[in-house]
Amino acid sequence: MSVITITRENFDQEVLQSKEKVLLDFWASWCGPCRMLSPVIDEISEENKSIKTGKVNVDEQPELAAAFRVTSIPTVIVMENGKVKNQMVGVRPKAQIEAMLN
């Protein structure tokens, strides 16, 4: 499944109403660690077709960042049935992010 850009306009449909688990990557273009993590998120998305992956640009979507109390980026959140199931901050190895999904 390809990575979706999540905005406040599509958040309800793509995340809250999703039948699949959703992996959200909160990032910004100026954030070096975010740029390091991005290919890992993309790889996980390609390898796990049963998971929906979305990226939230915190500069463009400050309301979503505030709603999830994202104060440091990158922040990765796993949601299931519209609820936060897991969350971690900072660059993490692929295996650690995949473990969040299980």
PDB file of N, CA and C in Angstrom:
ATOM      1  N   MET A   1       0.855  -1.178   0.000  1.00  0.00           N
ATOM      2  CA  MET A   1       0.000   0.000   0.000  1.00  0.00           C
ATOM      3  C   MET A   1       0.898   1.236   0.000  1.00  0.00           C
ATOM      4  N   SER A   2       0.554   2.219  -0.778  1.00  0.00           N
ATOM      5  CA  SER A   2       1.401   3.401  -0.837  1.00  0.00           C
ATOM      6  C   SER A   2       1.142   4.323   0.360  1.00  0.00           C
ATOM      7  N   VAL A   3       2.083   5.196   0.604  1.00  0.00           N
ATOM      8  CA  VAL A   3       1.996   6.137   1.719  1.00  0.00           C
ATOM      9  C   VAL A   3       1.047   7.270   1.336  1.00  0.00           C
ATOM     10  N   ILE A   4       0.175   7.626   2.272  1.00  0.00           N
ATOM     11  CA  ILE A   4      -0.833   8.665   2.059  1.00  0.00           C
ATOM     12  C   ILE A   4      -0.424   9.914   2.828  1.00  0.00           C
ATOM     13  N   THR A   5      -0.614  11.073   2.223  1.00  0.00           N
ATOM     14  CA  THR A   5      -0.427  12.325   2.945  1.00  0.00           C
ATOM     15  C   THR A   5      -1.696  12.572   3.749  1.00  0.00           C
ATOM     16  N   ILE A   6      -1.544  12.659   5.059  1.00  0.00           N
ATOM     17  CA  ILE A   6      -2.690  12.856   5.943  1.00  0.00           C
ATOM     18  C   ILE A   6      -2.837  14.345   6.260  1.00  0.00           C
ATOM     19  N   THR A   7      -4.042  14.836   6.057  1.00  0.00           N
ATOM     20  CA  THR A   7      -4.382  16.227   6.371  1.00  0.00           C
ATOM     21  C   THR A   7      -5.613  16.215   7.271  1.00  0.00           C
ATOM     22  N   ARG A   8      -5.944  17.368   7.822  1.00  0.00           N
ATOM     23  CA  ARG A   8      -7.157  17.391   8.651  1.00  0.00           C
ATOM     24  C   ARG A   8      -8.400  17.135   7.803  1.00  0.00           C
ATOM     25  N   GLU A   9      -8.314  17.400   6.498  1.00  0.00           N
ATOM     26  CA  GLU A   9      -9.458  17.166   5.613  1.00  0.00           C
ATOM     27  C   GLU A   9      -9.721  15.667   5.389  1.00  0.00           C
ATOM     28  N   ASN A  10      -8.674  14.845   5.320  1.00  0.00           N
ATOM     29  CA  ASN A  10      -8.884  13.422   5.065  1.00  0.00           C
ATOM     30  C   ASN A  10      -8.641  12.546   6.294  1.00  0.00           C
ATOM     31  N   PHE A  11      -8.336  13.139   7.437  1.00  0.00           N
ATOM     32  CA  PHE A  11      -7.990  12.395   8.644  1.00  0.00           C
ATOM     33  C   PHE A  11      -9.100  11.434   9.078  1.00  0.00           C
ATOM     34  N   ASP A  12     -10.330  11.918   9.160  1.00  0.00           N
ATOM     35  CA  ASP A  12     -11.427  11.058   9.610  1.00  0.00           C
ATOM     36  C   ASP A  12     -11.567   9.831   8.718  1.00  0.00           C
ATOM     37  N   GLN A  13     -11.605  10.056   7.415  1.00  0.00           N
ATOM     38  CA  GLN A  13     -11.803   8.957   6.475  1.00  0.00           C
ATOM     39  C   GLN A  13     -10.615   8.003   6.455  1.00  0.00           C
ATOM     40  N   GLU A  14      -9.405   8.540   6.359  1.00  0.00           N
ATOM     41  CA  GLU A  14      -8.212   7.701   6.182  1.00  0.00           C
ATOM     42  C   GLU A  14      -7.717   7.051   7.467  1.00  0.00           C
ATOM     43  N   VAL A  15      -7.938   7.705   8.611  1.00  0.00           N
ATOM     44  CA  VAL A  15      -7.382   7.192   9.869  1.00  0.00           C
ATOM     45  C   VAL A  15      -8.477   6.680  10.804  1.00  0.00           C
ATOM     46  N   LEU A  16      -9.393   7.549  11.190  1.00  0.00           N
ATOM     47  CA  LEU A  16     -10.399   7.163  12.183  1.00  0.00           C
ATOM     48  C   LEU A  16     -11.347   6.080  11.677  1.00  0.00           C
ATOM     49  N   GLN A  17     -11.701   6.119  10.402  1.00  0.00           N
ATOM     50  CA  GLN A  17     -12.639   5.149   9.847  1.00  0.00           C
ATOM     51  C   GLN A  17     -11.945   3.966   9.162  1.00  0.00           C
ATOM     52  N   SER A  18     -10.633   3.910   9.248  1.00  0.00           N
ATOM     53  CA  SER A  18      -9.880   2.849   8.585  1.00  0.00           C
ATOM     54  C   SER A  18     -10.163   1.493   9.216  1.00  0.00           C
ATOM     55  N   LYS A  19     -10.343   0.495   8.366  1.00  0.00           N
ATOM     56  CA  LYS A  19     -10.515  -0.884   8.841  1.00  0.00           C
ATOM     57  C   LYS A  19      -9.150  -1.512   9.161  1.00  0.00           C
ATOM     58  N   GLU A  20      -8.079  -0.966   8.560  1.00  0.00           N
ATOM     59  CA  GLU A  20      -6.729  -1.475   8.791  1.00  0.00           C
ATOM     60  C   GLU A  20      -6.071  -0.701   9.929  1.00  0.00           C
ATOM     61  N   LYS A  21      -4.985  -1.283  10.454  1.00  0.00           N
ATOM     62  CA  LYS A  21      -4.121  -0.517  11.350  1.00  0.00           C
ATOM     63  C   LYS A  21      -3.527   0.614  10.533  1.00  0.00           C
ATOM     64  N   VAL A  22      -3.263   1.729  11.200  1.00  0.00           N
ATOM     65  CA  VAL A  22      -2.684   2.887  10.518  1.00  0.00           C
ATOM     66  C   VAL A  22      -1.369   3.254  11.205  1.00  0.00           C
ATOM     67  N   LEU A  23      -0.320   3.358  10.405  1.00  0.00           N
ATOM     68  CA  LEU A  23       0.984   3.802  10.875  1.00  0.00           C
ATOM     69  C   LEU A  23       1.129   5.261  10.452  1.00  0.00           C
ATOM     70  N   LEU A  24       1.220   6.162  11.430  1.00  0.00           N
ATOM     71  CA  LEU A  24       1.344   7.593  11.143  1.00  0.00           C
ATOM     72  C   LEU A  24       2.753   8.066  11.457  1.00  0.00           C
ATOM     73  N   ASP A  25       3.336   8.778  10.523  1.00  0.00           N
ATOM     74  CA  ASP A  25       4.673   9.363  10.679  1.00  0.00           C
ATOM     75  C   ASP A  25       4.502  10.883  10.713  1.00  0.00           C
ATOM     76  N   PHE A  26       4.750  11.497  11.874  1.00  0.00           N
ATOM     77  CA  PHE A  26       4.711  12.951  12.015  1.00  0.00           C
ATOM     78  C   PHE A  26       6.114  13.477  11.747  1.00  0.00           C
ATOM     79  N   TRP A  27       6.240  14.386  10.774  1.00  0.00           N
ATOM     80  CA  TRP A  27       7.554  14.809  10.288  1.00  0.00           C
ATOM     81  C   TRP A  27       7.514  16.262   9.837  1.00  0.00           C
ATOM     82  N   ALA A  28       8.678  16.788   9.456  1.00  0.00           N
ATOM     83  CA  ALA A  28       8.802  18.107   8.823  1.00  0.00           C
ATOM     84  C   ALA A  28       9.990  18.062   7.866  1.00  0.00           C
ATOM     85  N   SER A  29       9.927  18.873   6.826  1.00  0.00           N
ATOM     86  CA  SER A  29      10.958  18.850   5.785  1.00  0.00           C
ATOM     87  C   SER A  29      12.327  19.289   6.304  1.00  0.00           C
ATOM     88  N   TRP A  30      12.358  20.139   7.314  1.00  0.00           N
ATOM     89  CA  TRP A  30      13.618  20.661   7.850  1.00  0.00           C
ATOM     90  C   TRP A  30      14.257  19.720   8.880  1.00  0.00           C
ATOM     91  N   CYS A  31      13.581  18.626   9.210  1.00  0.00           N
ATOM     92  CA  CYS A  31      14.015  17.728  10.287  1.00  0.00           C
ATOM     93  C   CYS A  31      14.917  16.623   9.742  1.00  0.00           C
ATOM     94  N   GLY A  32      16.206  16.671  10.083  1.00  0.00           N
ATOM     95  CA  GLY A  32      17.165  15.661   9.628  1.00  0.00           C
ATOM     96  C   GLY A  32      16.792  14.250  10.044  1.00  0.00           C
ATOM     97  N   PRO A  33      16.477  14.018  11.323  1.00  0.00           N
ATOM     98  CA  PRO A  33      16.076  12.672  11.733  1.00  0.00           C
ATOM     99  C   PRO A  33      14.826  12.180  10.991  1.00  0.00           C
ATOM    100  N   CYS A  34      13.921  13.089  10.668  1.00  0.00           N
ATOM    101  CA  CYS A  34      12.718  12.707   9.905  1.00  0.00           C
ATOM    102  C   CYS A  34      13.107  12.195   8.520  1.00  0.00           C
ATOM    103  N   ARG A  35      14.077  12.859   7.903  1.00  0.00           N
ATOM    104  CA  ARG A  35      14.534  12.435   6.577  1.00  0.00           C
ATOM    105  C   ARG A  35      15.231  11.072   6.655  1.00  0.00           C
ATOM    106  N   MET A  36      15.870  10.786   7.788  1.00  0.00           N
ATOM    107  CA  MET A  36      16.505   9.475   7.977  1.00  0.00           C
ATOM    108  C   MET A  36      15.449   8.374   8.137  1.00  0.00           C
ATOM    109  N   LEU A  37      14.359   8.694   8.812  1.00  0.00           N
ATOM    110  CA  LEU A  37      13.325   7.707   9.098  1.00  0.00           C
ATOM    111  C   LEU A  37      12.396   7.462   7.906  1.00  0.00           C
ATOM    112  N   SER A  38      12.225   8.454   7.061  1.00  0.00           N
ATOM    113  CA  SER A  38      11.254   8.375   5.968  1.00  0.00           C
ATOM    114  C   SER A  38      11.414   7.132   5.078  1.00  0.00           C
ATOM    115  N   PRO A  39      12.636   6.780   4.621  1.00  0.00           N
ATOM    116  CA  PRO A  39      12.759   5.576   3.787  1.00  0.00           C
ATOM    117  C   PRO A  39      12.389   4.294   4.535  1.00  0.00           C
ATOM    118  N   VAL A  40      12.605   4.274   5.841  1.00  0.00           N
ATOM    119  CA  VAL A  40      12.241   3.107   6.648  1.00  0.00           C
ATOM    120  C   VAL A  40      10.720   2.962   6.679  1.00  0.00           C
ATOM    121  N   ILE A  41      10.016   4.083   6.877  1.00  0.00           N
ATOM    122  CA  ILE A  41       8.551   4.074   6.884  1.00  0.00           C
ATOM    123  C   ILE A  41       8.037   3.620   5.514  1.00  0.00           C
ATOM    124  N   ASP A  42       8.647   4.142   4.447  1.00  0.00           N
ATOM    125  CA  ASP A  42       8.240   3.761   3.094  1.00  0.00           C
ATOM    126  C   ASP A  42       8.425   2.258   2.869  1.00  0.00           C
ATOM    127  N   GLU A  43       9.540   1.721   3.345  1.00  0.00           N
ATOM    128  CA  GLU A  43       9.836   0.296   3.185  1.00  0.00           C
ATOM    129  C   GLU A  43       8.822  -0.558   3.942  1.00  0.00           C
ATOM    130  N   ILE A  44       8.516  -0.168   5.169  1.00  0.00           N
ATOM    131  CA  ILE A  44       7.522  -0.892   5.969  1.00  0.00           C
ATOM    132  C   ILE A  44       6.171  -0.873   5.255  1.00  0.00           C
ATOM    133  N   SER A  45       5.826   0.269   4.688  1.00  0.00           N
ATOM    134  CA  SER A  45       4.559   0.412   3.971  1.00  0.00           C
ATOM    135  C   SER A  45       4.491  -0.549   2.778  1.00  0.00           C
ATOM    136  N   GLU A  46       5.583  -0.643   2.034  1.00  0.00           N
ATOM    137  CA  GLU A  46       5.612  -1.523   0.861  1.00  0.00           C
ATOM    138  C   GLU A  46       5.548  -2.997   1.253  1.00  0.00           C
ATOM    139  N   GLU A  47       6.152  -3.347   2.376  1.00  0.00           N
ATOM    140  CA  GLU A  47       6.228  -4.748   2.785  1.00  0.00           C
ATOM    141  C   GLU A  47       4.990  -5.235   3.540  1.00  0.00           C
ATOM    142  N   ASN A  48       4.204  -4.302   4.085  1.00  0.00           N
ATOM    143  CA  ASN A  48       3.045  -4.662   4.898  1.00  0.00           C
ATOM    144  C   ASN A  48       1.777  -4.117   4.251  1.00  0.00           C
ATOM    145  N   LYS A  49       1.247  -4.876   3.311  1.00  0.00           N
ATOM    146  CA  LYS A  49       0.087  -4.416   2.540  1.00  0.00           C
ATOM    147  C   LYS A  49      -1.175  -4.303   3.388  1.00  0.00           C
ATOM    148  N   SER A  50      -1.209  -4.946   4.551  1.00  0.00           N
ATOM    149  CA  SER A  50      -2.408  -4.912   5.388  1.00  0.00           C
ATOM    150  C   SER A  50      -2.450  -3.682   6.294  1.00  0.00           C
ATOM    151  N   ILE A  51      -1.412  -2.863   6.236  1.00  0.00           N
ATOM    152  CA  ILE A  51      -1.328  -1.671   7.084  1.00  0.00           C
ATOM    153  C   ILE A  51      -1.400  -0.424   6.217  1.00  0.00           C
ATOM    154  N   LYS A  52      -2.190   0.538   6.655  1.00  0.00           N
ATOM    155  CA  LYS A  52      -2.265   1.819   5.960  1.00  0.00           C
ATOM    156  C   LYS A  52      -1.197   2.724   6.569  1.00  0.00           C
ATOM    157  N   THR A  53      -0.431   3.395   5.728  1.00  0.00           N
ATOM    158  CA  THR A  53       0.643   4.267   6.202  1.00  0.00           C
ATOM    159  C   THR A  53       0.364   5.693   5.762  1.00  0.00           C
ATOM    160  N   GLY A  54       0.455   6.605   6.723  1.00  0.00           N
ATOM    161  CA  GLY A  54       0.228   8.013   6.423  1.00  0.00           C
ATOM    162  C   GLY A  54       1.325   8.877   7.007  1.00  0.00           C
ATOM    163  N   LYS A  55       1.608   9.979   6.314  1.00  0.00           N
ATOM    164  CA  LYS A  55       2.597  10.938   6.798  1.00  0.00           C
ATOM    165  C   LYS A  55       1.897  12.264   7.054  1.00  0.00           C
ATOM    166  N   VAL A  56       2.215  12.837   8.209  1.00  0.00           N
ATOM    167  CA  VAL A  56       1.626  14.107   8.629  1.00  0.00           C
ATOM    168  C   VAL A  56       2.741  15.136   8.740  1.00  0.00           C
ATOM    169  N   ASN A  57       2.718  16.128   7.856  1.00  0.00           N
ATOM    170  CA  ASN A  57       3.691  17.210   7.919  1.00  0.00           C
ATOM    171  C   ASN A  57       3.229  18.170   9.022  1.00  0.00           C
ATOM    172  N   VAL A  58       4.007  18.249  10.114  1.00  0.00           N
ATOM    173  CA  VAL A  58       3.572  19.039  11.272  1.00  0.00           C
ATOM    174  C   VAL A  58       3.528  20.535  10.983  1.00  0.00           C
ATOM    175  N   ASP A  59       4.308  21.000  10.010  1.00  0.00           N
ATOM    176  CA  ASP A  59       4.265  22.420   9.649  1.00  0.00           C
ATOM    177  C   ASP A  59       2.977  22.759   8.905  1.00  0.00           C
ATOM    178  N   GLU A  60       2.497  21.827   8.093  1.00  0.00           N
ATOM    179  CA  GLU A  60       1.281  22.052   7.307  1.00  0.00           C
ATOM    180  C   GLU A  60       0.016  21.643   8.060  1.00  0.00           C
ATOM    181  N   GLN A  61       0.157  20.774   9.055  1.00  0.00           N
ATOM    182  CA  GLN A  61      -0.986  20.253   9.812  1.00  0.00           C
ATOM    183  C   GLN A  61      -0.772  20.420  11.320  1.00  0.00           C
ATOM    184  N   PRO A  62      -0.590  21.665  11.787  1.00  0.00           N
ATOM    185  CA  PRO A  62      -0.317  21.862  13.221  1.00  0.00           C
ATOM    186  C   PRO A  62      -1.464  21.391  14.121  1.00  0.00           C
ATOM    187  N   GLU A  63      -2.695  21.421  13.608  1.00  0.00           N
ATOM    188  CA  GLU A  63      -3.834  20.971  14.417  1.00  0.00           C
ATOM    189  C   GLU A  63      -3.742  19.479  14.716  1.00  0.00           C
ATOM    190  N   LEU A  64      -3.331  18.693  13.723  1.00  0.00           N
ATOM    191  CA  LEU A  64      -3.184  17.254  13.946  1.00  0.00           C
ATOM    192  C   LEU A  64      -2.029  16.971  14.906  1.00  0.00           C
ATOM    193  N   ALA A  65      -0.940  17.693  14.741  1.00  0.00           N
ATOM    194  CA  ALA A  65       0.201  17.514  15.653  1.00  0.00           C
ATOM    195  C   ALA A  65      -0.226  17.842  17.085  1.00  0.00           C
ATOM    196  N   ALA A  66      -0.971  18.911  17.245  1.00  0.00           N
ATOM    197  CA  ALA A  66      -1.437  19.304  18.580  1.00  0.00           C
ATOM    198  C   ALA A  66      -2.415  18.270  19.147  1.00  0.00           C
ATOM    199  N   ALA A  67      -3.289  17.749  18.304  1.00  0.00           N
ATOM    200  CA  ALA A  67      -4.277  16.771  18.760  1.00  0.00           C
ATOM    201  C   ALA A  67      -3.616  15.509  19.314  1.00  0.00           C
ATOM    202  N   PHE A  68      -2.458  15.158  18.765  1.00  0.00           N
ATOM    203  CA  PHE A  68      -1.725  13.980  19.227  1.00  0.00           C
ATOM    204  C   PHE A  68      -0.601  14.341  20.193  1.00  0.00           C
ATOM    205  N   ARG A  69      -0.556  15.598  20.599  1.00  0.00           N
ATOM    206  CA  ARG A  69       0.472  16.095  21.534  1.00  0.00           C
ATOM    207  C   ARG A  69       1.890  15.793  21.046  1.00  0.00           C
ATOM    208  N   VAL A  70       2.093  15.957  19.732  1.00  0.00           N
ATOM    209  CA  VAL A  70       3.412  15.740  19.151  1.00  0.00           C
ATOM    210  C   VAL A  70       4.254  16.981  19.422  1.00  0.00           C
ATOM    211  N   THR A  71       5.269  16.826  20.261  1.00  0.00           N
ATOM    212  CA  THR A  71       6.157  17.941  20.586  1.00  0.00           C
ATOM    213  C   THR A  71       7.570  17.731  20.054  1.00  0.00           C
ATOM    214  N   SER A  72       7.883  16.497  19.688  1.00  0.00           N
ATOM    215  CA  SER A  72       9.181  16.173  19.090  1.00  0.00           C
ATOM    216  C   SER A  72       8.934  15.317  17.858  1.00  0.00           C
ATOM    217  N   ILE A  73       9.757  15.545  16.848  1.00  0.00           N
ATOM    218  CA  ILE A  73       9.634  14.747  15.633  1.00  0.00           C
ATOM    219  C   ILE A  73      10.990  14.135  15.294  1.00  0.00           C
ATOM    220  N   PRO A  74      11.003  13.006  14.609  1.00  0.00           N
ATOM    221  CA  PRO A  74       9.848  12.260  14.151  1.00  0.00           C
ATOM    222  C   PRO A  74       9.115  11.553  15.288  1.00  0.00           C
ATOM    223  N   THR A  75       7.796  11.509  15.177  1.00  0.00           N
ATOM    224  CA  THR A  75       6.954  10.718  16.070  1.00  0.00           C
ATOM    225  C   THR A  75       6.185   9.740  15.194  1.00  0.00           C
ATOM    226  N   VAL A  76       6.179   8.486  15.609  1.00  0.00           N
ATOM    227  CA  VAL A  76       5.459   7.444  14.888  1.00  0.00           C
ATOM    228  C   VAL A  76       4.355   6.926  15.803  1.00  0.00           C
ATOM    229  N   ILE A  77       3.135   6.881  15.261  1.00  0.00           N
ATOM    230  CA  ILE A  77       1.973   6.436  16.034  1.00  0.00           C
ATOM    231  C   ILE A  77       1.271   5.329  15.262  1.00  0.00           C
ATOM    232  N   VAL A  78       0.882   4.282  15.985  1.00  0.00           N
ATOM    233  CA  VAL A  78       0.076   3.210  15.408  1.00  0.00           C
ATOM    234  C   VAL A  78      -1.343   3.379  15.949  1.00  0.00           C
ATOM    235  N   MET A  79      -2.304   3.418  15.019  1.00  0.00           N
ATOM    236  CA  MET A  79      -3.709   3.536  15.409  1.00  0.00           C
ATOM    237  C   MET A  79      -4.476   2.318  14.919  1.00  0.00           C
ATOM    238  N   GLU A  80      -5.447   1.923  15.729  1.00  0.00           N
ATOM    239  CA  GLU A  80      -6.312   0.807  15.357  1.00  0.00           C
ATOM    240  C   GLU A  80      -7.709   1.121  15.867  1.00  0.00           C
ATOM    241  N   ASN A  81      -8.694   0.985  14.986  1.00  0.00           N
ATOM    242  CA  ASN A  81     -10.087   1.297  15.332  1.00  0.00           C
ATOM    243  C   ASN A  81     -10.233   2.717  15.881  1.00  0.00           C
ATOM    244  N   GLY A  82      -9.477   3.652  15.299  1.00  0.00           N
ATOM    245  CA  GLY A  82      -9.587   5.052  15.686  1.00  0.00           C
ATOM    246  C   GLY A  82      -8.913   5.427  16.990  1.00  0.00           C
ATOM    247  N   LYS A  83      -8.152   4.510  17.578  1.00  0.00           N
ATOM    248  CA  LYS A  83      -7.498   4.777  18.857  1.00  0.00           C
ATOM    249  C   LYS A  83      -5.989   4.556  18.750  1.00  0.00           C
ATOM    250  N   VAL A  84      -5.230   5.344  19.508  1.00  0.00           N
ATOM    251  CA  VAL A  84      -3.778   5.191  19.545  1.00  0.00           C
ATOM    252  C   VAL A  84      -3.448   3.889  20.270  1.00  0.00           C
ATOM    253  N   LYS A  85      -2.698   3.020  19.600  1.00  0.00           N
ATOM    254  CA  LYS A  85      -2.291   1.741  20.191  1.00  0.00           C
ATOM    255  C   LYS A  85      -0.839   1.757  20.641  1.00  0.00           C
ATOM    256  N   ASN A  86      -0.022   2.565  19.961  1.00  0.00           N
ATOM    257  CA  ASN A  86       1.405   2.602  20.274  1.00  0.00           C
ATOM    258  C   ASN A  86       1.991   3.901  19.746  1.00  0.00           C
ATOM    259  N   GLN A  87       3.068   4.354  20.381  1.00  0.00           N
ATOM    260  CA  GLN A  87       3.685   5.612  19.963  1.00  0.00           C
ATOM    261  C   GLN A  87       5.151   5.613  20.367  1.00  0.00           C
ATOM    262  N   MET A  88       6.000   6.135  19.488  1.00  0.00           N
ATOM    263  CA  MET A  88       7.405   6.330  19.855  1.00  0.00           C
ATOM    264  C   MET A  88       7.956   7.569  19.161  1.00  0.00           C
ATOM    265  N   VAL A  89       8.952   8.145  19.801  1.00  0.00           N
ATOM    266  CA  VAL A  89       9.560   9.382  19.310  1.00  0.00           C
ATOM    267  C   VAL A  89      11.010   9.105  18.946  1.00  0.00           C
ATOM    268  N   GLY A  90      11.446   9.710  17.846  1.00  0.00           N
ATOM    269  CA  GLY A  90      12.836   9.597  17.438  1.00  0.00           C
ATOM    270  C   GLY A  90      13.038   8.548  16.363  1.00  0.00           C
ATOM    271  N   VAL A  91      14.234   8.554  15.803  1.00  0.00           N
ATOM    272  CA  VAL A  91      14.590   7.571  14.779  1.00  0.00           C
ATOM    273  C   VAL A  91      14.783   6.233  15.470  1.00  0.00           C
ATOM    274  N   ARG A  92      14.123   5.228  14.949  1.00  0.00           N
ATOM    275  CA  ARG A  92      14.209   3.885  15.513  1.00  0.00           C
ATOM    276  C   ARG A  92      14.512   2.897  14.395  1.00  0.00           C
ATOM    277  N   PRO A  93      15.099   1.751  14.743  1.00  0.00           N
ATOM    278  CA  PRO A  93      15.353   0.727  13.726  1.00  0.00           C
ATOM    279  C   PRO A  93      14.036   0.176  13.179  1.00  0.00           C
ATOM    280  N   LYS A  94      14.093  -0.300  11.967  1.00  0.00           N
ATOM    281  CA  LYS A  94      12.923  -0.858  11.300  1.00  0.00           C
ATOM    282  C   LYS A  94      12.243  -1.927  12.161  1.00  0.00           C
ATOM    283  N   ALA A  95      13.029  -2.811  12.752  1.00  0.00           N
ATOM    284  CA  ALA A  95      12.462  -3.901  13.559  1.00  0.00           C
ATOM    285  C   ALA A  95      11.655  -3.369  14.733  1.00  0.00           C
ATOM    286  N   GLN A  96      12.087  -2.274  15.313  1.00  0.00           N
ATOM    287  CA  GLN A  96      11.382  -1.703  16.457  1.00  0.00           C
ATOM    288  C   GLN A  96      10.031  -1.114  16.009  1.00  0.00           C
ATOM    289  N   ILE A  97      10.014  -0.496  14.853  1.00  0.00           N
ATOM    290  CA  ILE A  97       8.753   0.062  14.333  1.00  0.00           C
ATOM    291  C   ILE A  97       7.811  -1.079  13.952  1.00  0.00           C
ATOM    292  N   GLU A  98       8.349  -2.119  13.327  1.00  0.00           N
ATOM    293  CA  GLU A  98       7.520  -3.269  12.983  1.00  0.00           C
ATOM    294  C   GLU A  98       6.949  -3.938  14.229  1.00  0.00           C
ATOM    295  N   ALA A  99       7.729  -3.983  15.300  1.00  0.00           N
ATOM    296  CA  ALA A  99       7.239  -4.571  16.565  1.00  0.00           C
ATOM    297  C   ALA A  99       6.071  -3.757  17.123  1.00  0.00           C
ATOM    298  N   MET A 100       6.063  -2.449  16.881  1.00  0.00           N
ATOM    299  CA  MET A 100       4.943  -1.608  17.328  1.00  0.00           C
ATOM    300  C   MET A 100       3.643  -2.035  16.669  1.00  0.00           C
ATOM    301  N   LEU A 101       3.737  -2.544  15.456  1.00  0.00           N
ATOM    302  CA  LEU A 101       2.556  -2.898  14.671  1.00  0.00           C
ATOM    303  C   LEU A 101       1.902  -4.200  15.142  1.00  0.00           C
ATOM    304  N   ASN A 102       2.633  -4.998  15.887  1.00  0.00           N
ATOM    305  CA  ASN A 102       2.115  -6.311  16.313  1.00  0.00           C
ATOM    306  C   ASN A 102       1.552  -6.289  17.713  1.00  0.00           C
TER     307      ASN A 102
END
